[in-house]
Amino acid sequence: MRIYCTTCGHKGRISSREEVTRAYVKLYCQCLDASCGHTWVANLTFSHTLRPSGQQLDVMLFDRLRDLTPDKQKELFEQLGRKAVA
């Protein structure tokens, strides 16, 4: 992925990133032109699917459930009318 300085137009680089969610990442960038030195934050977001995943729905669902905190899992199971497994 190429990025360019929004101030001078020279090439930039991504110095670090912060994954806010699976679909939203903050990219911390800096200009490679030493005389400019501009730093900025760019946002990378998921837009839409062009072709659905080949993974089975249950595999994807369990992967997502594992990523949730225990409190979020419990909340979800309560919403489904089932008891959460501790």
PDB file of N, CA and C in Angstrom:
ATOM      1  N   MET A   1       0.851  -1.170   0.000  1.00  0.00           N
ATOM      2  CA  MET A   1       0.000   0.000   0.000  1.00  0.00           C
ATOM      3  C   MET A   1       0.897   1.234   0.000  1.00  0.00           C
ATOM      4  N   ARG A   2       0.735   2.080  -0.961  1.00  0.00           N
ATOM      5  CA  ARG A   2       1.529   3.307  -1.031  1.00  0.00           C
ATOM      6  C   ARG A   2       0.746   4.455  -0.421  1.00  0.00           C
ATOM      7  N   ILE A   3       1.459   5.262   0.335  1.00  0.00           N
ATOM      8  CA  ILE A   3       0.836   6.458   0.897  1.00  0.00           C
ATOM      9  C   ILE A   3       1.700   7.657   0.555  1.00  0.00           C
ATOM     10  N   TYR A   4       1.066   8.792   0.472  1.00  0.00           N
ATOM     11  CA  TYR A   4       1.766  10.023   0.130  1.00  0.00           C
ATOM     12  C   TYR A   4       1.422  11.098   1.145  1.00  0.00           C
ATOM     13  N   CYS A   5       2.383  11.966   1.394  1.00  0.00           N
ATOM     14  CA  CYS A   5       2.205  13.061   2.339  1.00  0.00           C
ATOM     15  C   CYS A   5       1.083  13.975   1.852  1.00  0.00           C
ATOM     16  N   THR A   6       0.178  14.290   2.750  1.00  0.00           N
ATOM     17  CA  THR A   6      -0.941  15.163   2.391  1.00  0.00           C
ATOM     18  C   THR A   6      -0.525  16.628   2.328  1.00  0.00           C
ATOM     19  N   THR A   7       0.689  16.934   2.797  1.00  0.00           N
ATOM     20  CA  THR A   7       1.178  18.310   2.776  1.00  0.00           C
ATOM     21  C   THR A   7       2.037  18.595   1.551  1.00  0.00           C
ATOM     22  N   CYS A   8       3.071  17.749   1.319  1.00  0.00           N
ATOM     23  CA  CYS A   8       4.007  18.032   0.224  1.00  0.00           C
ATOM     24  C   CYS A   8       3.881  17.072  -0.959  1.00  0.00           C
ATOM     25  N   GLY A   9       3.203  15.946  -0.785  1.00  0.00           N
ATOM     26  CA  GLY A   9       3.011  15.004  -1.882  1.00  0.00           C
ATOM     27  C   GLY A   9       4.087  13.945  -2.030  1.00  0.00           C
ATOM     28  N   HIS A  10       5.148  14.012  -1.215  1.00  0.00           N
ATOM     29  CA  HIS A  10       6.194  12.998  -1.286  1.00  0.00           C
ATOM     30  C   HIS A  10       5.695  11.679  -0.699  1.00  0.00           C
ATOM     31  N   LYS A  11       6.476  10.612  -0.955  1.00  0.00           N
ATOM     32  CA  LYS A  11       6.125   9.312  -0.392  1.00  0.00           C
ATOM     33  C   LYS A  11       6.165   9.373   1.126  1.00  0.00           C
ATOM     34  N   GLY A  12       5.299   8.585   1.727  1.00  0.00           N
ATOM     35  CA  GLY A  12       5.275   8.473   3.177  1.00  0.00           C
ATOM     36  C   GLY A  12       5.407   7.019   3.574  1.00  0.00           C
ATOM     37  N   ARG A  13       5.478   6.784   4.868  1.00  0.00           N
ATOM     38  CA  ARG A  13       5.535   5.414   5.353  1.00  0.00           C
ATOM     39  C   ARG A  13       4.628   5.274   6.558  1.00  0.00           C
ATOM     40  N   ILE A  14       4.146   4.063   6.771  1.00  0.00           N
ATOM     41  CA  ILE A  14       3.327   3.758   7.936  1.00  0.00           C
ATOM     42  C   ILE A  14       4.286   3.346   9.042  1.00  0.00           C
ATOM     43  N   SER A  15       4.351   4.152  10.094  1.00  0.00           N
ATOM     44  CA  SER A  15       5.293   3.863  11.177  1.00  0.00           C
ATOM     45  C   SER A  15       4.702   2.910  12.205  1.00  0.00           C
ATOM     46  N   SER A  16       3.389   2.958  12.389  1.00  0.00           N
ATOM     47  CA  SER A  16       2.721   2.019  13.293  1.00  0.00           C
ATOM     48  C   SER A  16       1.239   1.995  12.970  1.00  0.00           C
ATOM     49  N   ARG A  17       0.547   1.073  13.604  1.00  0.00           N
ATOM     50  CA  ARG A  17      -0.885   0.939  13.369  1.00  0.00           C
ATOM     51  C   ARG A  17      -1.575   0.540  14.654  1.00  0.00           C
ATOM     52  N   GLU A  18      -2.835   0.940  14.773  1.00  0.00           N
ATOM     53  CA  GLU A  18      -3.647   0.592  15.934  1.00  0.00           C
ATOM     54  C   GLU A  18      -4.942  -0.024  15.420  1.00  0.00           C
ATOM     55  N   GLU A  19      -5.129  -1.313  15.714  1.00  0.00           N
ATOM     56  CA  GLU A  19      -6.347  -1.990  15.279  1.00  0.00           C
ATOM     57  C   GLU A  19      -7.453  -1.683  16.276  1.00  0.00           C
ATOM     58  N   VAL A  20      -8.361  -0.809  15.890  1.00  0.00           N
ATOM     59  CA  VAL A  20      -9.477  -0.413  16.745  1.00  0.00           C
ATOM     60  C   VAL A  20     -10.527  -1.521  16.740  1.00  0.00           C
ATOM     61  N   THR A  21     -10.880  -2.004  15.559  1.00  0.00           N
ATOM     62  CA  THR A  21     -11.756  -3.164  15.387  1.00  0.00           C
ATOM     63  C   THR A  21     -11.209  -3.959  14.210  1.00  0.00           C
ATOM     64  N   ARG A  22     -11.818  -5.095  13.923  1.00  0.00           N
ATOM     65  CA  ARG A  22     -11.380  -5.882  12.761  1.00  0.00           C
ATOM     66  C   ARG A  22     -11.568  -5.115  11.457  1.00  0.00           C
ATOM     67  N   ALA A  23     -12.492  -4.186  11.453  1.00  0.00           N
ATOM     68  CA  ALA A  23     -12.815  -3.456  10.228  1.00  0.00           C
ATOM     69  C   ALA A  23     -12.302  -2.017  10.219  1.00  0.00           C
ATOM     70  N   TYR A  24     -11.587  -1.611  11.272  1.00  0.00           N
ATOM     71  CA  TYR A  24     -11.127  -0.220  11.367  1.00  0.00           C
ATOM     72  C   TYR A  24      -9.741  -0.163  12.009  1.00  0.00           C
ATOM     73  N   VAL A  25      -8.783   0.385  11.269  1.00  0.00           N
ATOM     74  CA  VAL A  25      -7.399   0.485  11.734  1.00  0.00           C
ATOM     75  C   VAL A  25      -6.907   1.917  11.565  1.00  0.00           C
ATOM     76  N   LYS A  26      -6.238   2.440  12.602  1.00  0.00           N
ATOM     77  CA  LYS A  26      -5.596   3.750  12.504  1.00  0.00           C
ATOM     78  C   LYS A  26      -4.153   3.523  12.060  1.00  0.00           C
ATOM     79  N   LEU A  27      -3.739   4.213  11.012  1.00  0.00           N
ATOM     80  CA  LEU A  27      -2.379   4.115  10.493  1.00  0.00           C
ATOM     81  C   LEU A  27      -1.628   5.392  10.846  1.00  0.00           C
ATOM     82  N   TYR A  28      -0.538   5.255  11.583  1.00  0.00           N
ATOM     83  CA  TYR A  28       0.285   6.405  11.949  1.00  0.00           C
ATOM     84  C   TYR A  28       1.383   6.527  10.897  1.00  0.00           C
ATOM     85  N   CYS A  29       1.395   7.663  10.194  1.00  0.00           N
ATOM     86  CA  CYS A  29       2.236   7.835   9.018  1.00  0.00           C
ATOM     87  C   CYS A  29       3.205   8.998   9.181  1.00  0.00           C
ATOM     88  N   GLN A  30       4.288   8.946   8.387  1.00  0.00           N
ATOM     89  CA  GLN A  30       5.245  10.054   8.369  1.00  0.00           C
ATOM     90  C   GLN A  30       5.805  10.236   6.969  1.00  0.00           C
ATOM     91  N   CYS A  31       6.038  11.495   6.632  1.00  0.00           N
ATOM     92  CA  CYS A  31       6.595  11.857   5.331  1.00  0.00           C
ATOM     93  C   CYS A  31       8.063  11.453   5.283  1.00  0.00           C
ATOM     94  N   LEU A  32       8.494  10.903   4.136  1.00  0.00           N
ATOM     95  CA  LEU A  32       9.888  10.493   3.983  1.00  0.00           C
ATOM     96  C   LEU A  32      10.794  11.633   3.526  1.00  0.00           C
ATOM     97  N   ASP A  33      10.218  12.785   3.210  1.00  0.00           N
ATOM     98  CA  ASP A  33      11.011  13.962   2.851  1.00  0.00           C
ATOM     99  C   ASP A  33      11.452  14.631   4.152  1.00  0.00           C
ATOM    100  N   ALA A  34      12.748  14.588   4.422  1.00  0.00           N
ATOM    101  CA  ALA A  34      13.288  15.117   5.681  1.00  0.00           C
ATOM    102  C   ALA A  34      12.979  16.597   5.873  1.00  0.00           C
ATOM    103  N   SER A  35      12.894  17.353   4.786  1.00  0.00           N
ATOM    104  CA  SER A  35      12.615  18.784   4.933  1.00  0.00           C
ATOM    105  C   SER A  35      11.150  19.050   5.289  1.00  0.00           C
ATOM    106  N   CYS A  36      10.286  18.081   5.062  1.00  0.00           N
ATOM    107  CA  CYS A  36       8.865  18.234   5.398  1.00  0.00           C
ATOM    108  C   CYS A  36       8.609  17.723   6.816  1.00  0.00           C
ATOM    109  N   GLY A  37       8.836  16.432   7.033  1.00  0.00           N
ATOM    110  CA  GLY A  37       8.682  15.854   8.367  1.00  0.00           C
ATOM    111  C   GLY A  37       7.256  15.745   8.880  1.00  0.00           C
ATOM    112  N   HIS A  38       6.287  15.923   8.010  1.00  0.00           N
ATOM    113  CA  HIS A  38       4.879  15.861   8.416  1.00  0.00           C
ATOM    114  C   HIS A  38       4.521  14.463   8.932  1.00  0.00           C
ATOM    115  N   THR A  39       3.767  14.400  10.015  1.00  0.00           N
ATOM    116  CA  THR A  39       3.216  13.136  10.507  1.00  0.00           C
ATOM    117  C   THR A  39       1.702  13.271  10.563  1.00  0.00           C
ATOM    118  N   TRP A  40       1.005  12.168  10.316  1.00  0.00           N
ATOM    119  CA  TRP A  40      -0.454  12.208  10.299  1.00  0.00           C
ATOM    120  C   TRP A  40      -1.023  10.829  10.603  1.00  0.00           C
ATOM    121  N   VAL A  41      -2.312  10.801  10.817  1.00  0.00           N
ATOM    122  CA  VAL A  41      -3.030   9.550  11.049  1.00  0.00           C
ATOM    123  C   VAL A  41      -4.008   9.359   9.899  1.00  0.00           C
ATOM    124  N   ALA A  42      -3.958   8.181   9.291  1.00  0.00           N
ATOM    125  CA  ALA A  42      -4.908   7.812   8.238  1.00  0.00           C
ATOM    126  C   ALA A  42      -5.779   6.679   8.770  1.00  0.00           C
ATOM    127  N   ASN A  43      -6.976   6.578   8.243  1.00  0.00           N
ATOM    128  CA  ASN A  43      -7.901   5.534   8.671  1.00  0.00           C
ATOM    129  C   ASN A  43      -8.087   4.517   7.556  1.00  0.00           C
ATOM    130  N   LEU A  44      -7.967   3.251   7.908  1.00  0.00           N
ATOM    131  CA  LEU A  44      -8.196   2.161   6.969  1.00  0.00           C
ATOM    132  C   LEU A  44      -9.439   1.420   7.438  1.00  0.00           C
ATOM    133  N   THR A  45     -10.449   1.359   6.585  1.00  0.00           N
ATOM    134  CA  THR A  45     -11.701   0.716   6.976  1.00  0.00           C
ATOM    135  C   THR A  45     -12.133  -0.321   5.952  1.00  0.00           C
ATOM    136  N   PHE A  46     -12.867  -1.308   6.430  1.00  0.00           N
ATOM    137  CA  PHE A  46     -13.492  -2.295   5.558  1.00  0.00           C
ATOM    138  C   PHE A  46     -14.690  -1.633   4.895  1.00  0.00           C
ATOM    139  N   SER A  47     -14.844  -1.853   3.610  1.00  0.00           N
ATOM    140  CA  SER A  47     -15.960  -1.255   2.886  1.00  0.00           C
ATOM    141  C   SER A  47     -17.076  -2.271   2.650  1.00  0.00           C
ATOM    142  N   HIS A  48     -16.810  -3.271   1.827  1.00  0.00           N
ATOM    143  CA  HIS A  48     -17.838  -4.263   1.526  1.00  0.00           C
ATOM    144  C   HIS A  48     -17.201  -5.506   0.916  1.00  0.00           C
ATOM    145  N   THR A  49     -17.943  -6.585   0.912  1.00  0.00           N
ATOM    146  CA  THR A  49     -17.476  -7.868   0.393  1.00  0.00           C
ATOM    147  C   THR A  49     -17.794  -7.976  -1.091  1.00  0.00           C
ATOM    148  N   LEU A  50     -16.821  -8.446  -1.858  1.00  0.00           N
ATOM    149  CA  LEU A  50     -17.040  -8.691  -3.280  1.00  0.00           C
ATOM    150  C   LEU A  50     -17.416 -10.150  -3.530  1.00  0.00           C
ATOM    151  N   ARG A  51     -16.827 -11.042  -2.758  1.00  0.00           N
ATOM    152  CA  ARG A  51     -17.121 -12.467  -2.865  1.00  0.00           C
ATOM    153  C   ARG A  51     -17.093 -13.038  -1.458  1.00  0.00           C
ATOM    154  N   PRO A  52     -18.144 -13.712  -1.016  1.00  0.00           N
ATOM    155  CA  PRO A  52     -18.178 -14.252   0.347  1.00  0.00           C
ATOM    156  C   PRO A  52     -17.056 -15.256   0.594  1.00  0.00           C
ATOM    157  N   SER A  53     -16.682 -15.393   1.847  1.00  0.00           N
ATOM    158  CA  SER A  53     -15.644 -16.326   2.254  1.00  0.00           C
ATOM    159  C   SER A  53     -16.062 -17.761   1.969  1.00  0.00           C
ATOM    160  N   GLY A  54     -15.083 -18.597   1.704  1.00  0.00           N
ATOM    161  CA  GLY A  54     -15.350 -20.013   1.491  1.00  0.00           C
ATOM    162  C   GLY A  54     -15.442 -20.790   2.791  1.00  0.00           C
ATOM    163  N   GLN A  55     -15.125 -20.143   3.919  1.00  0.00           N
ATOM    164  CA  GLN A  55     -15.201 -20.830   5.205  1.00  0.00           C
ATOM    165  C   GLN A  55     -16.646 -21.132   5.554  1.00  0.00           C
ATOM    166  N   GLN A  56     -16.817 -22.199   6.311  1.00  0.00           N
ATOM    167  CA  GLN A  56     -18.161 -22.548   6.760  1.00  0.00           C
ATOM    168  C   GLN A  56     -18.615 -21.555   7.815  1.00  0.00           C
ATOM    169  N   LEU A  57     -19.911 -21.307   7.848  1.00  0.00           N
ATOM    170  CA  LEU A  57     -20.486 -20.343   8.778  1.00  0.00           C
ATOM    171  C   LEU A  57     -20.161 -20.682  10.225  1.00  0.00           C
ATOM    172  N   ASP A  58     -20.253 -21.958  10.606  1.00  0.00           N
ATOM    173  CA  ASP A  58     -20.008 -22.325  12.001  1.00  0.00           C
ATOM    174  C   ASP A  58     -18.562 -22.067  12.412  1.00  0.00           C
ATOM    175  N   VAL A  59     -17.612 -22.291  11.514  1.00  0.00           N
ATOM    176  CA  VAL A  59     -16.201 -22.024  11.816  1.00  0.00           C
ATOM    177  C   VAL A  59     -15.998 -20.529  12.035  1.00  0.00           C
ATOM    178  N   MET A  60     -16.575 -19.720  11.167  1.00  0.00           N
ATOM    179  CA  MET A  60     -16.448 -18.270  11.302  1.00  0.00           C
ATOM    180  C   MET A  60     -17.110 -17.788  12.583  1.00  0.00           C
ATOM    181  N   LEU A  61     -18.273 -18.350  12.916  1.00  0.00           N
ATOM    182  CA  LEU A  61     -18.992 -17.957  14.122  1.00  0.00           C
ATOM    183  C   LEU A  61     -18.186 -18.280  15.372  1.00  0.00           C
ATOM    184  N   PHE A  62     -17.628 -19.490  15.459  1.00  0.00           N
ATOM    185  CA  PHE A  62     -16.833 -19.865  16.629  1.00  0.00           C
ATOM    186  C   PHE A  62     -15.569 -19.014  16.742  1.00  0.00           C
ATOM    187  N   ASP A  63     -14.955 -18.685  15.628  1.00  0.00           N
ATOM    188  CA  ASP A  63     -13.780 -17.803  15.663  1.00  0.00           C
ATOM    189  C   ASP A  63     -14.147 -16.441  16.231  1.00  0.00           C
ATOM    190  N   ARG A  64     -15.274 -15.907  15.815  1.00  0.00           N
ATOM    191  CA  ARG A  64     -15.732 -14.610  16.330  1.00  0.00           C
ATOM    192  C   ARG A  64     -16.062 -14.693  17.811  1.00  0.00           C
ATOM    193  N   LEU A  65     -16.731 -15.770  18.232  1.00  0.00           N
ATOM    194  CA  LEU A  65     -17.082 -15.937  19.646  1.00  0.00           C
ATOM    195  C   LEU A  65     -15.833 -16.009  20.518  1.00  0.00           C
ATOM    196  N   ARG A  66     -14.799 -16.698  20.039  1.00  0.00           N
ATOM    197  CA  ARG A  66     -13.547 -16.807  20.799  1.00  0.00           C
ATOM    198  C   ARG A  66     -12.879 -15.451  20.987  1.00  0.00           C
ATOM    199  N   ASP A  67     -13.081 -14.545  20.052  1.00  0.00           N
ATOM    200  CA  ASP A  67     -12.476 -13.213  20.131  1.00  0.00           C
ATOM    201  C   ASP A  67     -13.163 -12.313  21.156  1.00  0.00           C
ATOM    202  N   LEU A  68     -14.393 -12.660  21.542  1.00  0.00           N
ATOM    203  CA  LEU A  68     -15.133 -11.846  22.511  1.00  0.00           C
ATOM    204  C   LEU A  68     -14.607 -12.063  23.927  1.00  0.00           C
ATOM    205  N   THR A  69     -14.746 -11.040  24.758  1.00  0.00           N
ATOM    206  CA  THR A  69     -14.398 -11.180  26.174  1.00  0.00           C
ATOM    207  C   THR A  69     -15.432 -12.093  26.830  1.00  0.00           C
ATOM    208  N   PRO A  70     -15.077 -12.719  27.965  1.00  0.00           N
ATOM    209  CA  PRO A  70     -16.049 -13.573  28.657  1.00  0.00           C
ATOM    210  C   PRO A  70     -17.352 -12.842  28.993  1.00  0.00           C
ATOM    211  N   ASP A  71     -17.253 -11.575  29.376  1.00  0.00           N
ATOM    212  CA  ASP A  71     -18.465 -10.806  29.685  1.00  0.00           C
ATOM    213  C   ASP A  71     -19.347 -10.636  28.451  1.00  0.00           C
ATOM    214  N   LYS A  72     -18.729 -10.361  27.311  1.00  0.00           N
ATOM    215  CA  LYS A  72     -19.491 -10.199  26.070  1.00  0.00           C
ATOM    216  C   LYS A  72     -20.116 -11.532  25.642  1.00  0.00           C
ATOM    217  N   GLN A  73     -19.381 -12.636  25.844  1.00  0.00           N
ATOM    218  CA  GLN A  73     -19.928 -13.958  25.530  1.00  0.00           C
ATOM    219  C   GLN A  73     -21.161 -14.231  26.383  1.00  0.00           C
ATOM    220  N   LYS A  74     -21.035 -13.950  27.685  1.00  0.00           N
ATOM    221  CA  LYS A  74     -22.150 -14.174  28.607  1.00  0.00           C
ATOM    222  C   LYS A  74     -23.364 -13.341  28.189  1.00  0.00           C
ATOM    223  N   GLU A  75     -23.117 -12.080  27.867  1.00  0.00           N
ATOM    224  CA  GLU A  75     -24.196 -11.187  27.437  1.00  0.00           C
ATOM    225  C   GLU A  75     -24.894 -11.728  26.186  1.00  0.00           C
ATOM    226  N   LEU A  76     -24.099 -12.218  25.243  1.00  0.00           N
ATOM    227  CA  LEU A  76     -24.654 -12.758  24.006  1.00  0.00           C
ATOM    228  C   LEU A  76     -25.520 -13.986  24.275  1.00  0.00           C
ATOM    229  N   PHE A  77     -25.017 -14.904  25.100  1.00  0.00           N
ATOM    230  CA  PHE A  77     -25.786 -16.109  25.412  1.00  0.00           C
ATOM    231  C   PHE A  77     -27.062 -15.778  26.175  1.00  0.00           C
ATOM    232  N   GLU A  78     -26.992 -14.770  27.034  1.00  0.00           N
ATOM    233  CA  GLU A  78     -28.199 -14.349  27.748  1.00  0.00           C
ATOM    234  C   GLU A  78     -29.231 -13.791  26.773  1.00  0.00           C
ATOM    235  N   GLN A  79     -28.756 -13.066  25.782  1.00  0.00           N
ATOM    236  CA  GLN A  79     -29.667 -12.529  24.769  1.00  0.00           C
ATOM    237  C   GLN A  79     -30.300 -13.648  23.948  1.00  0.00           C
ATOM    238  N   LEU A  80     -29.574 -14.741  23.793  1.00  0.00           N
ATOM    239  CA  LEU A  80     -30.100 -15.879  23.043  1.00  0.00           C
ATOM    240  C   LEU A  80     -31.005 -16.760  23.900  1.00  0.00           C
ATOM    241  N   GLY A  81     -31.108 -16.432  25.191  1.00  0.00           N
ATOM    242  CA  GLY A  81     -31.976 -17.192  26.075  1.00  0.00           C
ATOM    243  C   GLY A  81     -31.341 -18.455  26.611  1.00  0.00           C
ATOM    244  N   ARG A  82     -30.019 -18.517  26.558  1.00  0.00           N
ATOM    245  CA  ARG A  82     -29.292 -19.679  27.065  1.00  0.00           C
ATOM    246  C   ARG A  82     -28.366 -19.230  28.178  1.00  0.00           C
ATOM    247  N   LYS A  83     -27.974 -20.152  29.022  1.00  0.00           N
ATOM    248  CA  LYS A  83     -27.001 -19.836  30.067  1.00  0.00           C
ATOM    249  C   LYS A  83     -25.603 -19.885  29.472  1.00  0.00           C
ATOM    250  N   ALA A  84     -24.775 -18.945  29.888  1.00  0.00           N
ATOM    251  CA  ALA A  84     -23.390 -18.917  29.432  1.00  0.00           C
ATOM    252  C   ALA A  84     -22.591 -19.960  30.187  1.00  0.00           C
ATOM    253  N   VAL A  85     -21.629 -20.560  29.499  1.00  0.00           N
ATOM    254  CA  VAL A  85     -20.733 -21.529  30.124  1.00  0.00           C
ATOM    255  C   VAL A  85     -19.583 -20.754  30.732  1.00  0.00           C
ATOM    256  N   ALA A  86     -19.311 -20.964  32.014  1.00  0.00           N
ATOM    257  CA  ALA A  86     -18.265 -20.211  32.709  1.00  0.00           C
ATOM    258  C   ALA A  86     -16.893 -20.719  32.383  1.00  0.00           C
TER     259      ALA A  86
END
